Amino acid sequence: MREPLPADMFDELCPSSLNPIRFGDKWAALIIRCLEHGPRRFSELRVPLSRVTPKVLTQSLRSLERDGLVRRTVHITAPPHVEYELTSLGRSLLEPLAAACAWADEHWDELLDARESHDNTVRLDHAG
């Protein structure tokens, strides 16, 4: 039995969610991180990715599958179930993704300050 994914894996205060470096769509890097330690069912991915709607999660998984980064396997059991796992190409992204996450962690305060400053400027521009 594999260990469940933690619900707070991608807490809003997690450097992964602040990372400005994108792999695929907005959620691709987080999905890749969820699959890092082996195959997962859709319902397992929904736990740490609760901010993602099921429709968008499905679209992201399909996009990753199309790009050859994720493999979708249907297990013919009663009832049938589907698992998603990283392909070797997908696994090759783990190292650069870890570097990007480390960078975001190191520059966390600067990123938050820059975003807050930008958002305040935009608000003032639109208020006037």
N, C-alpha and C. Protein backbone atom coordinates (compact mmCIF):
# COMPACT_ATOMS: atom_id res chain seq x y z
N MET A 1 0.85 -1.19 0.00
CA MET A 1 0.00 0.00 0.00
C MET A 1 0.89 1.24 0.00
N ARG A 2 0.61 2.14 -0.90
CA ARG A 2 1.41 3.36 -0.98
C ARG A 2 0.88 4.41 -0.03
N GLU A 3 1.76 5.29 0.36
CA GLU A 3 1.40 6.36 1.28
C GLU A 3 0.52 7.38 0.57
N PRO A 4 -0.57 7.82 1.22
CA PRO A 4 -1.44 8.81 0.57
C PRO A 4 -0.72 10.14 0.39
N LEU A 5 -1.16 10.88 -0.60
CA LEU A 5 -0.62 12.22 -0.82
C LEU A 5 -1.20 13.15 0.25
N PRO A 6 -0.37 14.00 0.85
CA PRO A 6 -0.89 14.91 1.88
C PRO A 6 -1.80 15.98 1.28
N ALA A 7 -2.88 16.28 1.96
CA ALA A 7 -3.84 17.27 1.47
C ALA A 7 -3.20 18.65 1.34
N ASP A 8 -2.25 18.96 2.20
CA ASP A 8 -1.62 20.29 2.17
C ASP A 8 -0.31 20.31 1.38
N MET A 9 -0.12 19.33 0.53
CA MET A 9 1.10 19.22 -0.28
C MET A 9 1.37 20.50 -1.06
N PHE A 10 0.32 21.15 -1.53
CA PHE A 10 0.47 22.38 -2.30
C PHE A 10 -0.32 23.50 -1.65
N ASP A 11 -0.11 23.65 -0.37
CA ASP A 11 -0.69 24.75 0.38
C ASP A 11 -0.44 26.04 -0.39
N GLU A 12 -1.32 27.01 -0.25
CA GLU A 12 -1.15 28.27 -0.99
C GLU A 12 0.17 28.94 -0.65
N LEU A 13 0.76 28.61 0.48
CA LEU A 13 2.04 29.19 0.86
C LEU A 13 3.21 28.28 0.49
N CYS A 14 3.00 27.39 -0.44
CA CYS A 14 4.03 26.46 -0.88
C CYS A 14 4.81 27.08 -2.04
N PRO A 15 6.14 27.01 -2.01
CA PRO A 15 6.92 27.56 -3.11
C PRO A 15 6.53 26.98 -4.47
N SER A 16 6.07 25.75 -4.52
CA SER A 16 5.67 25.15 -5.79
C SER A 16 4.56 25.95 -6.46
N SER A 17 3.64 26.49 -5.65
CA SER A 17 2.53 27.23 -6.23
C SER A 17 2.94 28.64 -6.64
N LEU A 18 4.06 29.11 -6.14
CA LEU A 18 4.55 30.45 -6.46
C LEU A 18 5.56 30.42 -7.60
N ASN A 19 6.01 29.25 -7.96
CA ASN A 19 7.05 29.09 -8.95
C ASN A 19 6.66 29.72 -10.29
N PRO A 20 7.43 30.72 -10.76
CA PRO A 20 7.09 31.36 -12.03
C PRO A 20 7.54 30.55 -13.25
N ILE A 21 8.31 29.50 -13.03
CA ILE A 21 8.79 28.66 -14.12
C ILE A 21 7.74 27.59 -14.36
N ARG A 22 7.20 27.53 -15.56
CA ARG A 22 6.10 26.61 -15.86
C ARG A 22 6.55 25.48 -16.76
N PHE A 23 6.08 24.29 -16.47
CA PHE A 23 6.25 23.11 -17.31
C PHE A 23 4.86 22.77 -17.80
N GLY A 24 4.57 23.00 -19.07
CA GLY A 24 3.22 22.72 -19.56
C GLY A 24 2.26 23.78 -19.08
N ASP A 25 1.06 23.38 -18.65
CA ASP A 25 0.08 24.35 -18.19
C ASP A 25 0.30 24.71 -16.72
N LYS A 26 -0.59 25.49 -16.18
CA LYS A 26 -0.48 26.01 -14.81
C LYS A 26 -0.30 24.91 -13.77
N TRP A 27 -0.93 23.74 -13.98
CA TRP A 27 -0.95 22.70 -12.96
C TRP A 27 0.02 21.55 -13.25
N ALA A 28 0.66 21.55 -14.40
CA ALA A 28 1.49 20.42 -14.82
C ALA A 28 2.59 20.09 -13.82
N ALA A 29 3.31 21.09 -13.35
CA ALA A 29 4.42 20.83 -12.42
C ALA A 29 3.91 20.20 -11.13
N LEU A 30 2.75 20.64 -10.66
CA LEU A 30 2.21 20.08 -9.42
C LEU A 30 1.77 18.63 -9.63
N ILE A 31 1.19 18.34 -10.80
CA ILE A 31 0.80 16.97 -11.12
C ILE A 31 2.04 16.08 -11.19
N ILE A 32 3.07 16.57 -11.84
CA ILE A 32 4.32 15.81 -11.95
C ILE A 32 4.88 15.51 -10.56
N ARG A 33 4.84 16.49 -9.66
CA ARG A 33 5.32 16.26 -8.29
C ARG A 33 4.48 15.20 -7.59
N CYS A 34 3.17 15.19 -7.84
CA CYS A 34 2.29 14.19 -7.22
C CYS A 34 2.62 12.78 -7.71
N LEU A 35 3.10 12.67 -8.93
CA LEU A 35 3.38 11.35 -9.52
C LEU A 35 4.84 10.93 -9.34
N GLU A 36 5.61 11.74 -8.67
CA GLU A 36 7.04 11.49 -8.49
C GLU A 36 7.34 10.13 -7.86
N HIS A 37 6.52 9.68 -6.93
CA HIS A 37 6.81 8.44 -6.20
C HIS A 37 5.98 7.26 -6.66
N GLY A 38 5.42 7.37 -7.86
CA GLY A 38 4.69 6.23 -8.41
C GLY A 38 3.30 6.58 -8.88
N PRO A 39 2.62 5.59 -9.45
CA PRO A 39 1.30 5.81 -10.03
C PRO A 39 0.27 6.26 -8.99
N ARG A 40 -0.69 7.04 -9.46
CA ARG A 40 -1.77 7.53 -8.60
C ARG A 40 -3.09 7.50 -9.36
N ARG A 41 -4.14 7.29 -8.62
CA ARG A 41 -5.49 7.37 -9.19
C ARG A 41 -5.93 8.83 -9.19
N PHE A 42 -6.90 9.13 -10.02
CA PHE A 42 -7.43 10.50 -10.13
C PHE A 42 -7.86 11.02 -8.76
N SER A 43 -8.57 10.18 -8.01
CA SER A 43 -9.06 10.60 -6.69
C SER A 43 -7.92 10.91 -5.73
N GLU A 44 -6.79 10.23 -5.88
CA GLU A 44 -5.62 10.53 -5.04
C GLU A 44 -5.02 11.89 -5.42
N LEU A 45 -4.99 12.18 -6.70
CA LEU A 45 -4.45 13.46 -7.16
C LEU A 45 -5.32 14.63 -6.70
N ARG A 46 -6.61 14.39 -6.58
CA ARG A 46 -7.54 15.45 -6.17
C ARG A 46 -7.27 15.94 -4.75
N VAL A 47 -6.66 15.11 -3.90
CA VAL A 47 -6.45 15.51 -2.50
C VAL A 47 -5.52 16.73 -2.41
N PRO A 48 -4.26 16.64 -2.89
CA PRO A 48 -3.41 17.83 -2.79
C PRO A 48 -3.75 18.89 -3.84
N LEU A 49 -4.46 18.50 -4.89
CA LEU A 49 -4.80 19.44 -5.96
C LEU A 49 -6.26 19.89 -5.84
N SER A 50 -6.71 20.10 -4.63
CA SER A 50 -8.12 20.43 -4.39
C SER A 50 -8.53 21.77 -5.00
N ARG A 51 -7.56 22.65 -5.28
CA ARG A 51 -7.88 23.94 -5.90
C ARG A 51 -8.15 23.81 -7.40
N VAL A 52 -7.85 22.63 -7.96
CA VAL A 52 -8.05 22.39 -9.39
C VAL A 52 -9.39 21.69 -9.57
N THR A 53 -10.21 22.20 -10.48
CA THR A 53 -11.49 21.54 -10.73
C THR A 53 -11.22 20.20 -11.41
N PRO A 54 -12.11 19.23 -11.24
CA PRO A 54 -11.93 17.94 -11.91
C PRO A 54 -11.77 18.09 -13.43
N LYS A 55 -12.52 19.00 -14.02
CA LYS A 55 -12.43 19.22 -15.47
C LYS A 55 -11.02 19.69 -15.87
N VAL A 56 -10.49 20.65 -15.15
CA VAL A 56 -9.16 21.19 -15.47
C VAL A 56 -8.08 20.15 -15.18
N LEU A 57 -8.23 19.38 -14.10
CA LEU A 57 -7.27 18.32 -13.80
C LEU A 57 -7.26 17.29 -14.93
N THR A 58 -8.44 16.93 -15.41
CA THR A 58 -8.53 15.99 -16.53
C THR A 58 -7.85 16.55 -17.77
N GLN A 59 -8.08 17.83 -18.07
CA GLN A 59 -7.45 18.46 -19.23
C GLN A 59 -5.93 18.47 -19.09
N SER A 60 -5.44 18.78 -17.89
CA SER A 60 -4.00 18.81 -17.65
C SER A 60 -3.39 17.43 -17.80
N LEU A 61 -4.05 16.41 -17.26
CA LEU A 61 -3.55 15.05 -17.38
C LEU A 61 -3.52 14.62 -18.85
N ARG A 62 -4.55 14.96 -19.60
CA ARG A 62 -4.58 14.62 -21.03
C ARG A 62 -3.46 15.31 -21.79
N SER A 63 -3.20 16.55 -21.44
CA SER A 63 -2.13 17.30 -22.08
C SER A 63 -0.76 16.67 -21.76
N LEU A 64 -0.56 16.29 -20.51
CA LEU A 64 0.69 15.64 -20.12
C LEU A 64 0.83 14.29 -20.81
N GLU A 65 -0.28 13.59 -20.96
CA GLU A 65 -0.27 12.30 -21.66
C GLU A 65 0.08 12.52 -23.14
N ARG A 66 -0.52 13.52 -23.75
CA ARG A 66 -0.26 13.83 -25.16
C ARG A 66 1.21 14.17 -25.38
N ASP A 67 1.81 14.87 -24.42
CA ASP A 67 3.22 15.26 -24.52
C ASP A 67 4.17 14.11 -24.19
N GLY A 68 3.62 12.96 -23.80
CA GLY A 68 4.46 11.81 -23.49
C GLY A 68 5.08 11.84 -22.10
N LEU A 69 4.55 12.69 -21.22
CA LEU A 69 5.11 12.82 -19.87
C LEU A 69 4.40 11.92 -18.85
N VAL A 70 3.14 11.60 -19.14
CA VAL A 70 2.32 10.80 -18.23
C VAL A 70 1.69 9.65 -19.03
N ARG A 71 1.62 8.50 -18.39
CA ARG A 71 0.97 7.33 -18.98
C ARG A 71 -0.31 7.06 -18.19
N ARG A 72 -1.40 6.85 -18.92
CA ARG A 72 -2.69 6.52 -18.32
C ARG A 72 -2.92 5.04 -18.54
N THR A 73 -3.16 4.31 -17.45
CA THR A 73 -3.37 2.87 -17.52
C THR A 73 -4.73 2.52 -16.94
N VAL A 74 -5.53 1.82 -17.73
CA VAL A 74 -6.84 1.35 -17.27
C VAL A 74 -6.65 -0.09 -16.78
N HIS A 75 -6.98 -0.32 -15.52
CA HIS A 75 -6.90 -1.66 -14.92
C HIS A 75 -8.29 -2.29 -14.99
N ILE A 76 -8.37 -3.41 -15.69
CA ILE A 76 -9.65 -4.11 -15.85
C ILE A 76 -9.87 -4.96 -14.60
N THR A 77 -10.53 -4.34 -13.65
CA THR A 77 -10.89 -5.01 -12.40
C THR A 77 -12.37 -4.74 -12.17
N ALA A 78 -12.89 -5.22 -11.09
CA ALA A 78 -14.28 -4.93 -10.77
C ALA A 78 -14.32 -4.08 -9.49
N PRO A 79 -14.61 -2.83 -9.56
CA PRO A 79 -14.82 -2.02 -10.76
C PRO A 79 -13.47 -1.62 -11.39
N PRO A 80 -13.47 -1.27 -12.68
CA PRO A 80 -12.23 -0.86 -13.32
C PRO A 80 -11.70 0.43 -12.69
N HIS A 81 -10.40 0.61 -12.72
CA HIS A 81 -9.85 1.88 -12.26
C HIS A 81 -8.68 2.30 -13.15
N VAL A 82 -8.40 3.59 -13.10
CA VAL A 82 -7.37 4.20 -13.95
C VAL A 82 -6.28 4.76 -13.05
N GLU A 83 -5.04 4.57 -13.48
CA GLU A 83 -3.91 5.16 -12.78
C GLU A 83 -3.09 5.99 -13.76
N TYR A 84 -2.46 7.01 -13.21
CA TYR A 84 -1.57 7.87 -13.98
C TYR A 84 -0.17 7.73 -13.39
N GLU A 85 0.83 7.66 -14.28
CA GLU A 85 2.21 7.59 -13.80
C GLU A 85 3.10 8.33 -14.78
N LEU A 86 4.26 8.72 -14.28
CA LEU A 86 5.23 9.40 -15.13
C LEU A 86 5.89 8.41 -16.07
N THR A 87 6.10 8.82 -17.30
CA THR A 87 6.90 8.05 -18.24
C THR A 87 8.36 8.37 -17.97
N SER A 88 9.27 7.72 -18.67
CA SER A 88 10.68 8.06 -18.48
C SER A 88 10.93 9.52 -18.89
N LEU A 89 10.23 9.98 -19.91
CA LEU A 89 10.36 11.39 -20.31
C LEU A 89 9.85 12.31 -19.20
N GLY A 90 8.73 11.95 -18.60
CA GLY A 90 8.20 12.73 -17.48
C GLY A 90 9.14 12.72 -16.29
N ARG A 91 9.73 11.56 -16.01
CA ARG A 91 10.67 11.46 -14.88
C ARG A 91 11.90 12.33 -15.12
N SER A 92 12.25 12.54 -16.40
CA SER A 92 13.42 13.37 -16.71
C SER A 92 13.19 14.83 -16.33
N LEU A 93 11.94 15.21 -16.08
CA LEU A 93 11.63 16.57 -15.65
C LEU A 93 11.80 16.77 -14.14
N LEU A 94 11.92 15.68 -13.39
CA LEU A 94 11.97 15.80 -11.93
C LEU A 94 13.17 16.64 -11.46
N GLU A 95 14.32 16.44 -12.06
CA GLU A 95 15.50 17.20 -11.63
C GLU A 95 15.37 18.69 -11.93
N PRO A 96 15.02 19.09 -13.18
CA PRO A 96 14.84 20.52 -13.41
C PRO A 96 13.68 21.11 -12.59
N LEU A 97 12.65 20.32 -12.36
CA LEU A 97 11.54 20.79 -11.55
C LEU A 97 11.99 21.02 -10.10
N ALA A 98 12.80 20.12 -9.57
CA ALA A 98 13.33 20.28 -8.21
C ALA A 98 14.19 21.55 -8.13
N ALA A 99 14.98 21.80 -9.17
CA ALA A 99 15.81 23.01 -9.19
C ALA A 99 14.93 24.27 -9.22
N ALA A 100 13.86 24.23 -10.01
CA ALA A 100 12.94 25.38 -10.08
C ALA A 100 12.25 25.60 -8.74
N CYS A 101 11.86 24.52 -8.07
CA CYS A 101 11.21 24.63 -6.75
C CYS A 101 12.20 25.18 -5.72
N ALA A 102 13.44 24.72 -5.77
CA ALA A 102 14.47 25.22 -4.84
C ALA A 102 14.70 26.71 -5.08
N TRP A 103 14.72 27.10 -6.36
CA TRP A 103 14.88 28.52 -6.68
C TRP A 103 13.73 29.33 -6.11
N ALA A 104 12.50 28.87 -6.29
CA ALA A 104 11.33 29.58 -5.77
C ALA A 104 11.38 29.67 -4.25
N ASP A 105 11.82 28.60 -3.61
CA ASP A 105 11.95 28.59 -2.16
C ASP A 105 12.98 29.63 -1.70
N GLU A 106 14.10 29.69 -2.41
CA GLU A 106 15.17 30.63 -2.07
C GLU A 106 14.74 32.08 -2.27
N HIS A 107 13.91 32.32 -3.26
CA HIS A 107 13.51 33.69 -3.60
C HIS A 107 12.06 34.00 -3.21
N TRP A 108 11.53 33.20 -2.30
CA TRP A 108 10.15 33.30 -1.85
C TRP A 108 9.75 34.73 -1.48
N ASP A 109 10.51 35.36 -0.57
CA ASP A 109 10.17 36.70 -0.09
C ASP A 109 10.21 37.72 -1.22
N GLU A 110 11.22 37.61 -2.07
CA GLU A 110 11.34 38.55 -3.19
C GLU A 110 10.17 38.40 -4.16
N LEU A 111 9.77 37.17 -4.43
CA LEU A 111 8.64 36.92 -5.33
C LEU A 111 7.35 37.49 -4.75
N LEU A 112 7.12 37.24 -3.46
CA LEU A 112 5.90 37.76 -2.82
C LEU A 112 5.90 39.28 -2.81
N ASP A 113 7.06 39.90 -2.49
CA ASP A 113 7.16 41.36 -2.48
C ASP A 113 6.89 41.93 -3.87
N ALA A 114 7.49 41.31 -4.89
CA ALA A 114 7.30 41.80 -6.26
C ALA A 114 5.85 41.70 -6.68
N ARG A 115 5.20 40.58 -6.37
CA ARG A 115 3.80 40.41 -6.75
C ARG A 115 2.90 41.40 -6.01
N GLU A 116 3.18 41.59 -4.72
CA GLU A 116 2.38 42.52 -3.94
C GLU A 116 2.55 43.95 -4.47
N SER A 117 3.77 44.33 -4.76
CA SER A 117 4.06 45.65 -5.29
C SER A 117 3.35 45.86 -6.63
N HIS A 118 3.45 44.87 -7.49
CA HIS A 118 2.79 44.95 -8.80
C HIS A 118 1.28 45.07 -8.64
N ASP A 119 0.69 44.21 -7.80
CA ASP A 119 -0.76 44.23 -7.62
C ASP A 119 -1.22 45.56 -7.05
N ASN A 120 -0.45 46.15 -6.12
CA ASN A 120 -0.81 47.46 -5.56
C ASN A 120 -0.74 48.54 -6.63
N THR A 121 0.28 48.48 -7.48
CA THR A 121 0.41 49.45 -8.57
C THR A 121 -0.74 49.33 -9.56
N VAL A 122 -1.09 48.12 -9.90
CA VAL A 122 -2.19 47.89 -10.83
C VAL A 122 -3.50 48.40 -10.23
N ARG A 123 -3.71 48.14 -8.94
CA ARG A 123 -4.93 48.62 -8.28
C ARG A 123 -5.02 50.14 -8.32
N LEU A 124 -3.88 50.80 -8.04
CA LEU A 124 -3.85 52.27 -8.05
C LEU A 124 -4.08 52.81 -9.45
N ASP A 125 -3.49 52.16 -10.45
CA ASP A 125 -3.67 52.59 -11.85
C ASP A 125 -5.14 52.49 -12.27
N HIS A 126 -5.81 51.42 -11.83
CA HIS A 126 -7.20 51.21 -12.22
C HIS A 126 -8.16 52.05 -11.37
N ALA A 127 -7.73 52.48 -10.20
CA ALA A 127 -8.58 53.28 -9.31
C ALA A 127 -8.64 54.72 -9.78
N GLY A 128 -7.59 55.18 -10.43
CA GLY A 128 -7.50 56.59 -10.80
C GLY A 128 -8.08 56.85 -12.09
